[in-house]
């Protein structure tokens, strides 16, 4: 089961965008119901996103597939 980093809208805005070291890589947190945004926790070990690692590492984690997992937004989402 995949693990996700849970972000607020402001935190998602802070990390969203192309990597400084690897322009072909980008972070794009996905909005879910309840105003939360999710990123796969694999970004924590991806060298392309090292500049955000300390910031992301302290945010809460959520296991995919648990009953409390937030649903998609009305506009789609992931």
C-alpha atoms as a PDB file:
ATOM      1  CA  UNK A   1       0.000   0.000   0.000  1.00  0.00           C
ATOM      2  CA  UNK A   2       1.352   3.421  -0.918  1.00  0.00           C
ATOM      3  CA  UNK A   3       1.984   6.080   1.705  1.00  0.00           C
ATOM      4  CA  UNK A   4       1.169   9.726   1.063  1.00  0.00           C
ATOM      5  CA  UNK A   5       2.324  13.024   2.536  1.00  0.00           C
ATOM      6  CA  UNK A   6      -0.621  15.188   3.643  1.00  0.00           C
ATOM      7  CA  UNK A   7      -0.359  18.919   2.915  1.00  0.00           C
ATOM      8  CA  UNK A   8      -2.519  21.999   3.386  1.00  0.00           C
ATOM      9  CA  UNK A   9      -3.231  24.264   0.405  1.00  0.00           C
ATOM     10  CA  UNK A  10      -0.454  26.625   1.500  1.00  0.00           C
ATOM     11  CA  UNK A  11       2.058  23.815   1.924  1.00  0.00           C
ATOM     12  CA  UNK A  12       1.111  22.430  -1.492  1.00  0.00           C
ATOM     13  CA  UNK A  13       1.691  25.861  -3.063  1.00  0.00           C
ATOM     14  CA  UNK A  14       5.075  26.048  -1.330  1.00  0.00           C
ATOM     15  CA  UNK A  15       6.410  22.846  -2.935  1.00  0.00           C
ATOM     16  CA  UNK A  16       4.495  22.797  -6.245  1.00  0.00           C
ATOM     17  CA  UNK A  17       6.541  23.188  -9.402  1.00  0.00           C
ATOM     18  CA  UNK A  18       9.650  22.007 -11.218  1.00  0.00           C
ATOM     19  CA  UNK A  19      12.721  20.793  -9.407  1.00  0.00           C
ATOM     20  CA  UNK A  20      15.615  23.248  -9.196  1.00  0.00           C
ATOM     21  CA  UNK A  21      18.178  20.499  -9.830  1.00  0.00           C
ATOM     22  CA  UNK A  22      16.183  18.422 -12.343  1.00  0.00           C
ATOM     23  CA  UNK A  23      13.832  20.605 -14.429  1.00  0.00           C
ATOM     24  CA  UNK A  24      12.130  17.538 -15.948  1.00  0.00           C
ATOM     25  CA  UNK A  25      10.940  16.545 -12.434  1.00  0.00           C
ATOM     26  CA  UNK A  26       8.161  18.411 -10.658  1.00  0.00           C
ATOM     27  CA  UNK A  27       6.017  18.202  -7.546  1.00  0.00           C
ATOM     28  CA  UNK A  28       2.269  18.464  -8.113  1.00  0.00           C
ATOM     29  CA  UNK A  29       0.278  17.801  -4.943  1.00  0.00           C
ATOM     30  CA  UNK A  30      -3.197  16.495  -5.753  1.00  0.00           C
ATOM     31  CA  UNK A  31      -6.222  18.042  -4.042  1.00  0.00           C
ATOM     32  CA  UNK A  32      -8.600  15.683  -2.257  1.00  0.00           C
ATOM     33  CA  UNK A  33     -11.866  16.205  -0.388  1.00  0.00           C
ATOM     34  CA  UNK A  34     -11.631  18.217   2.788  1.00  0.00           C
ATOM     35  CA  UNK A  35      -9.102  20.654   1.353  1.00  0.00           C
ATOM     36  CA  UNK A  36      -6.123  18.342   1.787  1.00  0.00           C
ATOM     37  CA  UNK A  37      -3.423  17.758  -0.786  1.00  0.00           C
ATOM     38  CA  UNK A  38      -1.406  14.568  -1.218  1.00  0.00           C
ATOM     39  CA  UNK A  39       2.038  13.662  -2.542  1.00  0.00           C
ATOM     40  CA  UNK A  40       3.457  10.164  -2.762  1.00  0.00           C
ATOM     41  CA  UNK A  41       6.023   9.690   0.013  1.00  0.00           C
ATOM     42  CA  UNK A  42       8.544   8.417  -2.548  1.00  0.00           C
ATOM     43  CA  UNK A  43       9.469  12.072  -3.187  1.00  0.00           C
ATOM     44  CA  UNK A  44      11.319  11.963   0.148  1.00  0.00           C
ATOM     45  CA  UNK A  45      14.038   9.789  -1.381  1.00  0.00           C
ATOM     46  CA  UNK A  46      14.051  11.331  -4.868  1.00  0.00           C
ATOM     47  CA  UNK A  47      17.245  13.395  -5.353  1.00  0.00           C
ATOM     48  CA  UNK A  48      15.351  15.758  -7.657  1.00  0.00           C
ATOM     49  CA  UNK A  49      13.310  17.029  -4.697  1.00  0.00           C
ATOM     50  CA  UNK A  50      16.078  17.290  -2.100  1.00  0.00           C
ATOM     51  CA  UNK A  51      15.450  21.027  -1.642  1.00  0.00           C
ATOM     52  CA  UNK A  52      11.996  20.252  -0.167  1.00  0.00           C
ATOM     53  CA  UNK A  53      12.961  17.111   1.765  1.00  0.00           C
ATOM     54  CA  UNK A  54      13.315  18.672   5.238  1.00  0.00           C
ATOM     55  CA  UNK A  55      10.038  20.579   4.807  1.00  0.00           C
ATOM     56  CA  UNK A  56       8.107  17.502   3.604  1.00  0.00           C
ATOM     57  CA  UNK A  57       9.634  15.068   6.089  1.00  0.00           C
ATOM     58  CA  UNK A  58       7.845  16.633   9.088  1.00  0.00           C
ATOM     59  CA  UNK A  59       4.367  16.597   7.519  1.00  0.00           C
ATOM     60  CA  UNK A  60       1.802  13.921   8.424  1.00  0.00           C
ATOM     61  CA  UNK A  61       1.626  10.663   6.468  1.00  0.00           C
ATOM     62  CA  UNK A  62      -1.437   8.699   5.413  1.00  0.00           C
ATOM     63  CA  UNK A  63      -1.632   5.110   4.177  1.00  0.00           C
ATOM     64  CA  UNK A  64      -3.582   4.661   0.955  1.00  0.00           C
ATOM     65  CA  UNK A  65      -6.620   2.418   1.139  1.00  0.00           C
ATOM     66  CA  UNK A  66      -7.553   3.156   4.757  1.00  0.00           C
ATOM     67  CA  UNK A  67     -11.200   4.070   5.438  1.00  0.00           C
ATOM     68  CA  UNK A  68     -10.208   7.650   6.359  1.00  0.00           C
ATOM     69  CA  UNK A  69      -8.487   8.198   2.984  1.00  0.00           C
ATOM     70  CA  UNK A  70      -9.967  11.403   1.495  1.00  0.00           C
ATOM     71  CA  UNK A  71     -12.072  11.029  -1.641  1.00  0.00           C
ATOM     72  CA  UNK A  72     -11.552  12.920  -4.878  1.00  0.00           C
ATOM     73  CA  UNK A  73     -12.715  16.498  -5.260  1.00  0.00           C
ATOM     74  CA  UNK A  74     -15.751  17.380  -7.369  1.00  0.00           C
ATOM     75  CA  UNK A  75     -13.354  18.605 -10.076  1.00  0.00           C
ATOM     76  CA  UNK A  76     -11.677  15.216 -10.428  1.00  0.00           C
ATOM     77  CA  UNK A  77      -8.382  15.037  -8.596  1.00  0.00           C
ATOM     78  CA  UNK A  78      -6.519  11.766  -8.264  1.00  0.00           C
END
